[in-house]
Protein backbone atom coordinates (compact mmCIF):
# COMPACT_ATOMS: atom_id res chain seq x y z
CA MET A 1 -0.34 0.11 0.11
CA THR A 2 1.70 3.05 -0.98
CA GLN A 3 1.58 6.01 1.68
CA THR A 4 0.53 9.26 0.68
CA ALA A 5 3.23 11.86 2.39
CA LYS A 6 1.82 14.29 5.01
CA PRO A 7 2.29 17.77 4.26
CA PRO A 8 5.77 19.02 6.74
CA LEU A 9 4.99 20.69 9.76
CA ARG A 10 5.59 24.96 9.71
CA ASN A 11 5.78 27.49 12.16
CA SER A 12 6.03 31.08 12.96
CA ASP A 13 8.88 32.91 11.83
CA PHE A 14 10.93 35.75 13.20
CA GLY A 15 14.12 37.24 12.85
CA PRO A 16 15.58 39.24 10.15
CA GLY A 17 14.47 37.74 7.12
CA GLY A 18 12.49 35.23 8.84
CA LEU A 19 15.80 33.45 10.10
CA LEU A 20 14.79 31.86 13.03
CA THR A 21 11.78 29.53 13.84
CA HIS A 22 9.61 28.71 16.67
CA LEU A 23 8.31 25.30 17.30
CA PRO A 24 6.34 25.67 19.96
CA THR A 25 4.89 21.97 20.09
CA TYR A 26 8.85 20.92 20.58
CA LYS A 27 9.72 24.02 22.23
CA VAL A 28 12.80 24.69 20.21
CA VAL A 29 13.75 27.53 18.12
CA ILE A 30 15.35 26.58 14.29
CA CYS A 31 18.23 28.58 12.34
CA LYS A 32 16.72 28.40 8.71
CA ASP A 33 19.83 29.06 7.52
CA CYS A 34 22.15 26.39 9.36
CA ARG A 35 19.14 23.73 9.69
CA PHE A 36 18.94 22.91 12.86
CA ALA A 37 17.68 23.82 16.33
CA ILE A 38 19.91 26.26 18.43
CA GLN A 39 20.40 26.13 22.25
CA PRO A 40 18.94 28.39 24.28
CA SER A 41 22.40 29.33 25.69
CA ALA A 42 23.79 29.85 22.29
CA PHE A 43 21.40 32.23 20.53
CA SER A 44 23.18 35.38 21.40
CA SER A 45 26.71 33.86 19.33
CA HIS A 46 24.47 32.15 16.78
CA LEU A 47 23.14 35.38 15.87
CA GLN A 48 26.49 37.00 15.94
CA ASN A 49 27.96 34.29 13.62
CA HIS A 50 25.35 35.53 11.20
CA HIS A 51 26.50 39.20 11.33
CA ILE A 52 23.78 40.74 13.03
CA LEU A 53 24.05 44.11 14.67
CA ARG A 54 24.29 44.27 18.11
CA SER A 55 21.27 46.67 18.54
CA GLU A 56 19.00 44.22 16.35
CA ARG A 57 20.52 40.64 18.48
CA ARG A 58 19.14 42.58 21.72
CA CYS A 59 15.79 42.92 20.13
CA ILE A 60 15.60 39.05 18.75
CA LEU A 61 17.19 37.95 22.28
CA ASP A 62 14.55 39.94 24.07
CA GLN A 63 11.98 38.14 21.70
CA LEU A 64 13.36 34.86 22.49
CA SER A 65 13.48 35.56 26.18
CA SER A 66 9.85 35.08 25.76
CA LEU A 67 9.20 31.92 24.59
CA CYS A 68 8.71 28.61 26.53
CA LEU A 69 11.86 26.65 25.09
CA SER A 70 13.45 23.43 26.56
CA PRO A 71 16.83 22.79 26.82
CA PRO A 72 18.40 20.07 24.23
CA ASP A 73 18.08 16.90 27.05
CA ARG A 74 14.54 17.76 27.52
CA VAL A 75 13.12 18.30 24.05
CA GLY A 76 10.61 15.61 23.08
CA ILE A 77 11.07 13.24 20.03
CA PRO A 78 8.38 13.47 17.49
CA ALA A 79 6.05 9.89 17.38
CA GLY A 80 6.80 7.70 14.43
CA ASP A 81 4.92 9.09 12.02
CA ALA A 82 5.10 12.53 12.75
CA ARG A 83 5.22 14.57 9.67
CA ARG A 84 8.37 15.96 8.66
CA ILE A 85 9.64 19.31 10.28
CA ALA A 86 10.04 21.48 7.10
CA ASP A 87 13.27 23.70 8.39
CA LEU A 88 15.33 20.09 9.07
CA PRO A 89 16.82 18.35 6.57
CA VAL A 90 15.63 14.68 5.66
CA LEU A 91 18.29 11.96 6.40
CA SER A 92 18.68 8.37 4.95
CA GLY A 93 19.57 6.02 7.89
CA PHE A 94 17.86 3.07 10.32
CA ARG A 95 15.68 2.37 12.72
CA CYS A 96 15.60 -0.46 15.33
CA GLU A 97 13.47 -3.37 14.73
CA THR A 98 13.23 -4.37 18.79
CA ALA A 99 9.80 -3.56 20.09
CA GLY A 100 9.64 -0.52 22.13
CA CYS A 101 12.68 0.39 20.89
CA SER A 102 12.66 3.77 18.59
CA TYR A 103 16.25 4.04 18.43
CA ALA A 104 17.40 5.59 15.20
CA CYS A 105 20.85 6.01 13.65
CA THR A 106 22.55 7.06 9.88
CA SER A 107 24.84 3.91 9.72
CA VAL A 108 24.46 0.39 10.09
CA LYS A 109 27.91 0.51 12.43
CA ARG A 110 26.12 2.52 15.00
CA MET A 111 23.30 0.38 15.08
CA CYS A 112 25.60 -3.00 15.41
CA GLN A 113 26.77 -0.50 18.17
CA HIS A 114 23.08 -0.03 19.29
CA TRP A 115 22.07 -4.04 19.72
CA SER A 116 25.34 -4.90 21.61
CA GLU A 117 25.24 -2.32 24.38
CA VAL A 118 21.08 -2.05 24.64
CA HIS A 119 19.97 -5.54 23.42
CA HIS A 120 23.20 -7.30 24.54
CA GLU A 121 23.37 -8.78 20.97
CA PRO A 122 26.74 -9.13 20.00
CA ASN A 123 26.27 -10.93 16.66
CA SER A 124 25.83 -8.38 13.86
CA LYS A 125 24.12 -10.87 11.79
CA ALA A 126 21.44 -11.45 14.03
CA ILE A 127 20.13 -7.32 14.22
CA ARG A 128 16.67 -6.39 13.36
CA TYR A 129 16.17 -2.85 11.78
CA ARG A 130 14.69 -1.45 8.66
CA GLU A 131 15.45 1.57 6.64
CA ALA A 132 13.89 4.90 7.69
CA ARG A 133 13.92 8.64 7.13
CA LEU A 134 15.20 10.99 9.98
CA GLN A 135 15.83 13.92 11.15
CA THR A 136 17.45 15.32 14.31
CA PHE A 137 16.74 19.21 16.22
CA PHE A 138 20.39 19.40 17.56
CA ARG A 139 24.14 18.61 15.99
CA GLY A 140 27.07 17.46 17.75
CA ASN A 141 26.85 15.33 20.82
CA LYS A 142 23.21 16.47 21.47
CA ILE A 143 21.78 14.44 17.90
CA ARG A 144 19.12 12.61 18.70
CA TYR A 145 17.55 11.21 15.57
CA PHE A 146 13.56 10.28 15.05
CA GLU A 147 11.62 8.96 12.07
CA VAL A 148 9.17 11.00 9.62
CA GLU A 149 6.57 9.95 7.93
CA GLY A 150 5.83 6.82 8.79
CA PRO A 151 7.62 3.30 8.59
CA LYS A 152 8.62 2.35 4.72
CA ASP A 153 7.74 -0.86 3.02
CA ALA A 154 10.95 -1.77 3.35
CA GLN A 155 11.54 -5.60 4.75
CA PHE A 156 13.49 -6.08 7.98
CA GLN A 157 17.01 -6.65 7.08
CA THR A 158 20.02 -7.82 9.05
CA ARG A 159 23.64 -7.00 8.58
CA LYS A 160 24.82 -8.52 5.38
CA GLN A 161 21.56 -6.61 3.76
CA SER A 162 22.66 -3.19 5.16
CA GLN A 163 23.95 -0.50 2.96
CA LEU A 164 27.32 -1.34 3.60
CA GLY A 165 26.77 -5.06 2.02
CA VAL A 166 24.60 -4.83 -0.37
CA LYS A 167 25.61 -6.01 -4.20
CA LYS A 168 25.47 -4.00 -6.96
CA PRO A 169 24.22 -5.57 -10.04
CA ASP A 170 26.90 -6.15 -12.06
CA VAL A 171 25.62 -4.84 -15.73
CA PHE A 172 28.34 -6.95 -17.62
CA SER A 173 27.10 -10.01 -16.85
CA LEU A 174 23.37 -9.58 -16.93
CA PRO A 175 21.19 -11.04 -20.09
CA GLU A 176 21.30 -8.96 -23.29
CA GLY A 177 18.60 -6.28 -22.78
CA SER A 178 18.76 -6.14 -19.03
CA SER A 179 20.95 -3.80 -18.48
CA ASP A 180 19.05 -0.51 -18.86
CA LYS A 181 16.64 -1.75 -16.15
CA ALA A 182 19.67 -2.47 -13.75
CA LEU A 183 21.36 0.75 -14.16
CA ASP A 184 17.68 2.52 -13.52
CA GLU A 185 17.83 0.44 -9.99
CA ILE A 186 21.48 1.64 -9.64
CA GLN A 187 21.11 5.35 -7.91
CA ALA A 188 24.07 7.54 -8.16
CA PRO A 189 25.41 9.43 -4.95
CA PRO A 190 24.43 13.24 -4.75
CA LEU A 191 26.99 15.71 -5.76
CA ASP A 192 27.77 18.37 -3.05
CA HIS A 193 28.35 20.90 -5.86
CA GLU A 194 29.15 23.86 -3.47
CA SER A 195 31.52 21.77 -1.17
CA LEU A 196 33.50 20.54 -4.17
CA LEU A 197 33.82 24.22 -5.53
CA TYR A 198 35.00 25.46 -1.94
CA MET A 199 37.55 22.71 -1.91
CA HIS A 200 38.73 23.60 -5.22
CA HIS A 201 39.36 26.96 -4.17
CA TYR A 202 40.78 25.66 -0.57
CA THR A 203 44.05 23.82 -2.67
CA ARG A 204 44.16 26.62 -5.22
CA HIS A 205 44.29 29.68 -2.81
CA SER A 206 43.12 29.37 1.00
CA GLY A 207 45.62 26.63 1.56
CA LEU A 208 48.87 28.25 0.38
CA PHE A 209 48.33 30.72 3.43
CA LEU A 210 48.30 28.30 6.18
CA ASN A 211 52.20 27.09 6.42
CA ARG A 212 54.28 28.38 9.34
CA GLY A 213 57.75 27.20 10.39
CA ASN A 214 58.66 23.59 8.85
CA GLU A 215 55.75 23.60 7.40
CA SER A 216 55.19 23.27 3.97
CA THR A 217 52.31 24.60 1.06
CA VAL A 218 52.18 20.55 0.40
CA PHE A 219 51.51 19.66 3.60
CA TRP A 220 48.55 22.02 3.88
CA VAL A 221 47.14 21.66 0.38
CA ASP A 222 48.07 17.92 -0.34
CA THR A 223 48.27 15.80 2.81
CA MET A 224 45.80 17.87 4.94
CA VAL A 225 43.02 17.16 2.29
CA LEU A 226 43.74 13.59 2.52
CA GLU A 227 43.98 13.71 6.11
CA ALA A 228 40.70 14.88 5.68
CA TYR A 229 39.37 11.74 3.98
CA LYS A 230 39.81 10.38 7.38
CA HIS A 231 38.45 12.91 9.64
CA PRO A 232 35.13 14.68 8.67
CA PHE A 233 36.00 17.34 11.57
CA LEU A 234 39.05 18.34 9.68
CA MET A 235 37.35 18.11 6.46
CA TYR A 236 34.37 20.63 7.59
CA GLY A 237 37.67 23.01 9.00
CA LEU A 238 39.22 23.03 5.77
CA LEU A 239 36.14 23.98 3.79
CA CYS A 240 34.75 26.33 6.58
CA ILE A 241 38.38 28.08 6.07
CA SER A 242 37.72 28.00 2.04
CA ALA A 243 34.27 29.78 2.59
CA ILE A 244 35.03 32.53 4.57
CA ASP A 245 38.23 32.90 2.31
CA LYS A 246 36.11 33.45 -0.71
CA ALA A 247 33.34 35.70 1.71
CA ARG A 248 36.32 38.00 2.19
CA GLY A 249 37.84 38.05 -1.32
CA THR A 250 34.23 39.07 -3.75
CA THR A 251 32.65 42.54 -3.68
CA SER A 252 29.09 41.67 -4.00
CA HIS A 253 27.44 41.71 -0.76
CA THR A 254 24.93 38.89 -1.66
CA GLU A 255 27.82 36.97 -2.49
CA ARG A 256 29.71 37.66 0.74
CA ARG A 257 27.20 36.61 2.50
CA ASP A 258 26.30 33.39 1.17
CA HIS A 259 29.87 32.25 1.66
CA VAL A 260 29.76 33.52 5.31
CA ARG A 261 27.02 31.50 5.72
CA ALA A 262 28.19 28.42 4.27
CA SER A 263 31.22 28.85 6.35
CA ALA A 264 29.48 29.38 9.47
CA SER A 265 27.58 26.09 8.85
CA TYR A 266 30.99 24.09 8.02
CA CYS A 267 32.11 25.97 11.16
CA ALA A 268 29.68 24.20 13.24
CA GLY A 269 30.28 20.58 11.70
CA ALA A 270 34.04 21.25 12.14
CA ILE A 271 33.44 22.62 16.03
CA ALA A 272 31.30 19.36 16.74
CA GLY A 273 33.31 16.68 15.91
CA TYR A 274 36.49 18.84 17.31
CA ARG A 275 35.50 18.74 20.53
CA ALA A 276 34.35 14.99 20.31
CA THR A 277 38.00 14.04 19.26
CA VAL A 278 40.09 16.30 21.18
CA ALA A 279 38.19 14.82 24.17
CA CYS A 280 40.57 11.47 23.44
CA PRO A 281 43.33 12.37 21.28
CA THR A 282 45.96 9.53 19.60
CA SER A 283 48.44 9.33 17.42
CA ALA A 284 45.97 8.67 14.52
CA ASN A 285 44.07 11.79 14.62
CA SER A 286 46.63 14.49 16.25
CA THR A 287 47.80 16.22 13.53
CA ALA A 288 44.09 16.57 12.25
CA LEU A 289 43.13 18.17 15.98
CA VAL A 290 46.34 20.49 15.44
CA ALA A 291 45.12 21.33 12.11
CA CYS A 292 41.61 22.22 13.10
CA SER A 293 42.29 24.09 15.86
CA ARG A 294 44.07 26.00 13.95
CA LEU A 295 41.22 26.69 11.37
CA LEU A 296 38.99 27.05 13.64
CA GLY A 297 40.49 30.26 15.36
CA GLN A 298 41.85 31.61 12.03
CA GLN A 299 37.82 31.39 10.87
CA GLU A 300 37.04 33.88 13.74
CA VAL A 301 39.43 35.91 12.67
CA VAL A 302 38.52 36.62 9.13
CA SER A 303 34.77 36.81 10.30
CA ASP A 304 35.20 39.41 12.46
CA LEU A 305 37.63 41.47 9.73
CA ILE A 306 34.85 40.82 6.74
CA LYS A 307 32.14 42.23 9.85
CA SER A 308 34.58 45.17 10.31
CA GLN A 309 34.25 46.16 6.95
CA GLU A 310 30.46 46.20 6.74
CA THR A 311 30.02 47.69 10.32
CA ASP A 312 31.60 50.64 12.48
CA ASP A 313 34.28 49.51 14.93
CA ASP A 314 31.63 50.85 18.10
CA ASP A 315 29.80 46.79 17.19
CA PHE A 316 32.94 45.23 18.74
CA ALA A 317 33.73 44.78 22.47
CA ILE A 318 36.65 44.27 24.33
CA GLN A 319 35.66 40.12 24.46
CA ASP A 320 35.88 40.42 21.20
CA MET A 321 39.63 40.88 21.32
CA LEU A 322 40.11 38.70 23.96
CA ARG A 323 38.42 35.92 22.58
CA HIS A 324 40.80 35.89 19.50
CA LEU A 325 44.07 35.99 22.18
CA VAL A 326 42.68 32.82 24.00
CA LEU A 327 41.87 30.76 20.55
CA LEU A 328 45.77 31.72 19.83
CA ARG A 329 47.23 30.87 22.68
CA GLY A 330 44.62 27.92 22.90
CA CYS A 331 45.86 26.34 19.95
CA THR A 332 49.49 26.83 21.02
CA ASP A 333 48.67 25.14 23.85
CA LEU A 334 47.04 21.92 22.35
CA MET A 335 50.03 21.86 19.95
CA ILE A 336 52.42 21.38 23.08
CA GLN A 337 50.33 19.04 24.81
CA LEU A 338 49.73 16.76 21.77
CA GLN A 339 54.05 16.57 21.00
CA PRO A 340 54.29 13.41 22.55
CA ILE A 341 51.54 11.85 20.47
CA LEU A 342 52.44 13.45 16.90
CA PRO A 343 53.19 11.25 14.67
CA PRO A 344 57.17 11.33 13.88
CA GLY A 345 56.61 12.61 10.37
CA SER A 346 54.06 14.99 11.32
CA PRO A 347 55.21 19.01 10.89
CA PHE A 348 53.39 19.56 13.59
CA ARG A 349 56.44 18.14 15.59
CA LEU A 350 58.07 21.10 17.24
CA PRO A 351 61.81 21.26 17.21
CA GLU A 352 63.78 20.98 20.58
CA GLN A 353 65.28 24.76 19.52
CA VAL A 354 61.18 25.78 19.29
CA ILE A 355 60.16 24.22 22.41
CA LEU A 356 63.13 25.68 24.18
CA GLY A 357 62.23 29.41 22.63
CA LEU A 358 59.16 29.19 23.49
CA ARG A 359 59.75 27.85 27.20
CA GLN A 360 62.29 30.81 27.21
CA ILE A 361 59.60 33.96 26.29
CA GLU A 362 57.18 32.20 28.71
CA ASP A 363 59.33 32.31 31.97
CA SER A 364 60.89 36.13 31.01
CA ASP A 365 58.42 37.21 33.77
CA ASP A 366 60.31 39.58 35.50
CA THR A 367 59.38 41.01 38.43
CA THR A 368 62.18 43.54 38.81
CA ALA A 369 63.43 46.47 36.41
CA ALA A 370 66.19 44.25 34.89
CA VAL A 371 68.03 45.64 32.26
CA LEU A 372 66.96 44.98 28.74
CA ASP A 373 68.91 43.51 26.01
CA GLN A 374 68.44 45.26 22.51
CA GLY A 375 69.94 42.70 20.57
CA CYS A 376 68.98 42.41 17.01
CA ILE A 377 65.65 44.56 17.73
CA PRO A 378 65.46 47.18 14.98
CA ALA A 379 66.70 50.96 16.52
CA ASP A 380 63.41 52.75 15.89
CA LYS A 381 61.17 49.64 17.53
CA TRP A 382 64.09 49.29 20.51
CA LEU A 383 63.22 53.35 21.12
CA VAL A 384 59.98 53.06 20.85
CA LEU A 385 59.69 50.02 23.64
CA THR A 386 62.24 51.50 26.10
CA THR A 387 60.48 55.15 25.67
CA LEU A 388 57.10 53.81 26.35
CA GLU A 389 57.03 54.07 29.85
CA PRO A 390 58.10 57.24 30.93
CA LYS A 391 55.28 59.24 28.24
CA MET A 392 52.94 56.71 30.24
CA GLU A 393 53.86 57.98 33.37
CA ASN A 394 53.34 61.90 32.09
CA LEU A 395 49.92 61.45 30.21
CA GLY A 396 48.65 59.85 34.08
CA PHE A 397 48.05 56.42 32.43
CA LEU A 398 50.76 55.08 34.84
CA PRO A 399 49.67 54.59 38.34
CA GLU A 400 52.30 53.36 41.00
CA ARG A 401 50.47 49.86 41.73
CA GLU A 402 50.51 48.79 37.56
CA VAL A 403 54.32 49.97 37.25
CA PRO A 404 55.47 46.05 38.38
CA MET A 405 52.84 44.25 36.26
CA ILE A 406 53.58 46.83 33.07
CA ARG A 407 57.07 46.67 33.65
CA ARG A 408 56.96 42.66 33.90
CA ALA A 409 54.81 43.00 30.35
CA MET A 410 56.82 45.41 28.61
CA ASN A 411 60.21 43.15 29.72
CA SER A 412 58.67 39.64 28.34
CA LEU A 413 57.92 42.06 25.08
CA VAL A 414 61.14 43.32 24.75
CA ARG A 415 62.69 39.52 24.99
CA ALA A 416 59.77 38.20 22.55
CA ALA A 417 60.90 40.86 20.07
CA SER A 418 64.88 40.39 20.54
CA HIS A 419 63.88 36.40 20.19
CA ALA A 420 61.74 36.89 16.92
CA TYR A 421 64.59 39.64 14.95
CA ALA A 422 67.50 37.50 16.13
CA ALA A 423 66.24 35.10 13.29
CA LYS A 424 66.31 36.73 10.50
CA GLU A 425 66.80 34.09 8.87
CA ASP A 426 63.76 32.52 9.63
CA GLU A 427 61.73 35.87 9.88
CA PHE A 428 58.56 34.25 9.23
CA GLY A 429 59.18 30.85 10.61
CA TRP A 430 58.83 29.57 14.15
CA ALA A 431 60.90 32.39 15.59
CA SER A 432 58.16 34.67 15.04
CA TRP A 433 55.80 32.91 15.97
CA ASN A 434 57.29 31.74 19.18
CA ALA A 435 57.63 35.87 19.91
CA VAL A 436 53.70 36.27 19.69
CA GLU A 437 52.19 33.24 21.03
CA GLY A 438 54.94 33.41 24.06
CA TRP A 439 54.27 36.66 25.04
CA LEU A 440 50.48 35.83 25.33
CA ARG A 441 51.37 32.29 27.30
CA SER A 442 53.71 34.22 30.22
CA PRO A 443 52.15 34.67 33.40
CA VAL A 444 52.15 38.38 33.74
CA VAL A 445 50.00 38.56 30.25
CA ALA A 446 47.14 36.07 30.85
CA GLU A 447 46.52 36.95 34.70
CA GLU A 448 47.60 40.41 34.43
CA LEU A 449 47.49 42.24 31.61
CA LEU A 450 44.40 41.15 29.64
CA PRO A 451 41.95 41.59 32.35
CA ALA A 452 43.24 44.87 33.12
CA MET A 453 42.28 45.79 29.36
CA SER A 454 39.17 43.95 30.32
CA GLY A 455 39.12 46.49 33.29
CA GLY A 456 39.83 49.75 30.61
CA ARG A 457 43.35 50.37 32.34
CA PRO A 458 45.10 52.82 29.65
CA ALA A 459 48.82 51.46 30.42
CA ALA A 460 47.44 47.83 29.80
CA PHE A 461 46.38 48.78 26.32
CA VAL A 462 49.28 50.54 25.19
CA VAL A 463 51.14 47.37 26.04
CA PHE A 464 48.74 45.61 24.13
CA ILE A 465 49.17 47.66 21.03
CA SER A 466 52.89 47.15 21.06
CA TRP A 467 52.88 43.88 21.06
CA VAL A 468 50.73 44.18 17.85
CA MET A 469 52.61 46.62 15.88
CA VAL A 470 55.83 45.14 16.93
CA LEU A 471 55.34 41.42 16.58
CA LEU A 472 52.08 40.23 14.94
CA ARG A 473 52.37 43.42 11.80
CA ARG A 474 55.33 41.37 11.29
CA LEU A 475 53.61 38.61 10.20
CA GLU A 476 51.21 40.36 8.86
CA SER A 477 52.88 40.87 5.38
CA ALA A 478 53.58 36.61 5.15
CA TYR A 479 49.88 35.36 5.92
CA ASP A 480 46.95 36.64 3.29
CA TRP A 481 44.11 36.05 5.63
CA MET A 482 45.81 38.11 8.25
CA THR A 483 45.52 41.20 6.00
CA GLY A 484 44.19 43.95 8.16
CA LEU A 485 44.18 42.03 11.69
CA SER A 486 46.75 44.66 13.34
CA ASN A 487 45.04 47.91 12.39
CA TRP A 488 41.47 46.14 13.41
CA PHE A 489 43.19 45.24 16.74
CA VAL A 490 44.41 48.91 17.32
CA ARG A 491 41.18 50.73 16.45
CA VAL A 492 39.38 48.34 18.55
CA ALA A 493 41.48 49.18 21.69
CA LEU A 494 41.28 52.65 21.34
CA LYS A 495 37.40 52.30 20.41
CA VAL A 496 36.99 50.20 23.89
CA ALA A 497 39.26 52.69 25.76
CA GLN A 498 37.81 55.83 24.90
CA SER A 499 40.58 57.97 25.79
CA SER A 500 41.66 60.81 23.63
CA GLY A 501 45.26 61.04 25.03
CA LEU A 502 45.99 57.11 24.71
CA THR A 503 44.90 57.76 20.88
CA SER A 504 46.98 60.82 20.48
CA LEU A 505 50.16 58.25 21.75
CA VAL A 506 49.69 55.54 19.82
CA ARG A 507 49.39 57.61 16.67
CA GLU A 508 52.37 59.54 17.26
CA ILE A 509 54.32 56.43 18.12
CA TYR A 510 52.99 54.18 15.82
CA ALA A 511 51.66 56.27 13.01
CA VAL A 512 48.24 54.66 12.74
CA ASP A 513 44.99 56.29 11.39
């Protein structure tokens, strides 16, 4: 008997362009662009990822706060004969045929695991399930599949009859005249043209600006692509970088918006898989984890740079800057933590001198006014660094209680700059990255200077801007995706600080607009 498909379940839309849909029956809100439900705790960040202005976000958040919503773990699952939900994708999957069990998944492997763990049936050939059309409200570790449009007419299947074990017709051994019929029965897999185009752009452009130190371009555009076939979260990471790169490269507002949305969707897939994998790192997945962490941090940077082109810097807060600094430090932390298990041939294995250089910068947290050594620091930059403290004192930016912190942070910055400029043959290699990351990892910066910036302390902003102009800007010319980052950091810092004296000082010593 042929079953008539029921019309999809629709509900009221709201938000810019009907971006969000509220389903009161299930007490969830779905993003129609991303095609999944948003956890209530993630509303603000999700809207920000869609580049919705802060004033508009507040109005939307006020609307959302009035809704009766459930946390993901308490969202009800529709009955097996429920209509499909219009703004969620329909997936091909499987449903357990044990009486009273509604478990559903999208792979036979997971179905076998379910039977072994729940129904205590270790023999994969004895499990009973059927094909089903599935949907899920949430992604990541909150996925719970449910069946829509009722059971299909397919018979019970066993492991041998699964999609992994189906024997395709051999058109070369069929009787004459029957090959056309066999070909009609073979369904070609769908082609994701958008992802193919983004992968092409990655191998031709985006992947060319990711290497640092002893990492080669071939490693990022060749080896990493092959690695991504083994780790889907890394594949999403590569695609999200390609999409955001194309967004920044176009002058069309419509194309930019579409690329940004695609990047956000790929990023969501990368984050979900990354979080699940990073909890259990192994030698086999460690290279993919380090690569993905760097890609996710880069995507955040470029997203904000694009946003800064379309909005005023007033739309950014101190938390936006600090988020990038925390992500950069986190990438370094992960790479160091995974050193013991990274494969011997992985370019992410740091040479001993690189680790030593990083530790020397981190440990240069002097509590006294040490005698600074110019080393190879250019004379103009050395003059700026050694005259900052008296200039801040003259402007009243440096109260006595902050002097030890500022002095320690400046000493650490001088040590980092000396390390970077000493390695002239490796200007954009590990030495420069050591300097940028090592300073962020020093205790005085992580535990005192960044909190002082959150508190609006002018002297802390001066030291931070010095790190940007002396070290970060030095790397910018080597990485296409970083273009404009140092200027953005300075502009936002000056906006947040709201000090005309600070603005004048920074413009005087660093010649910024």
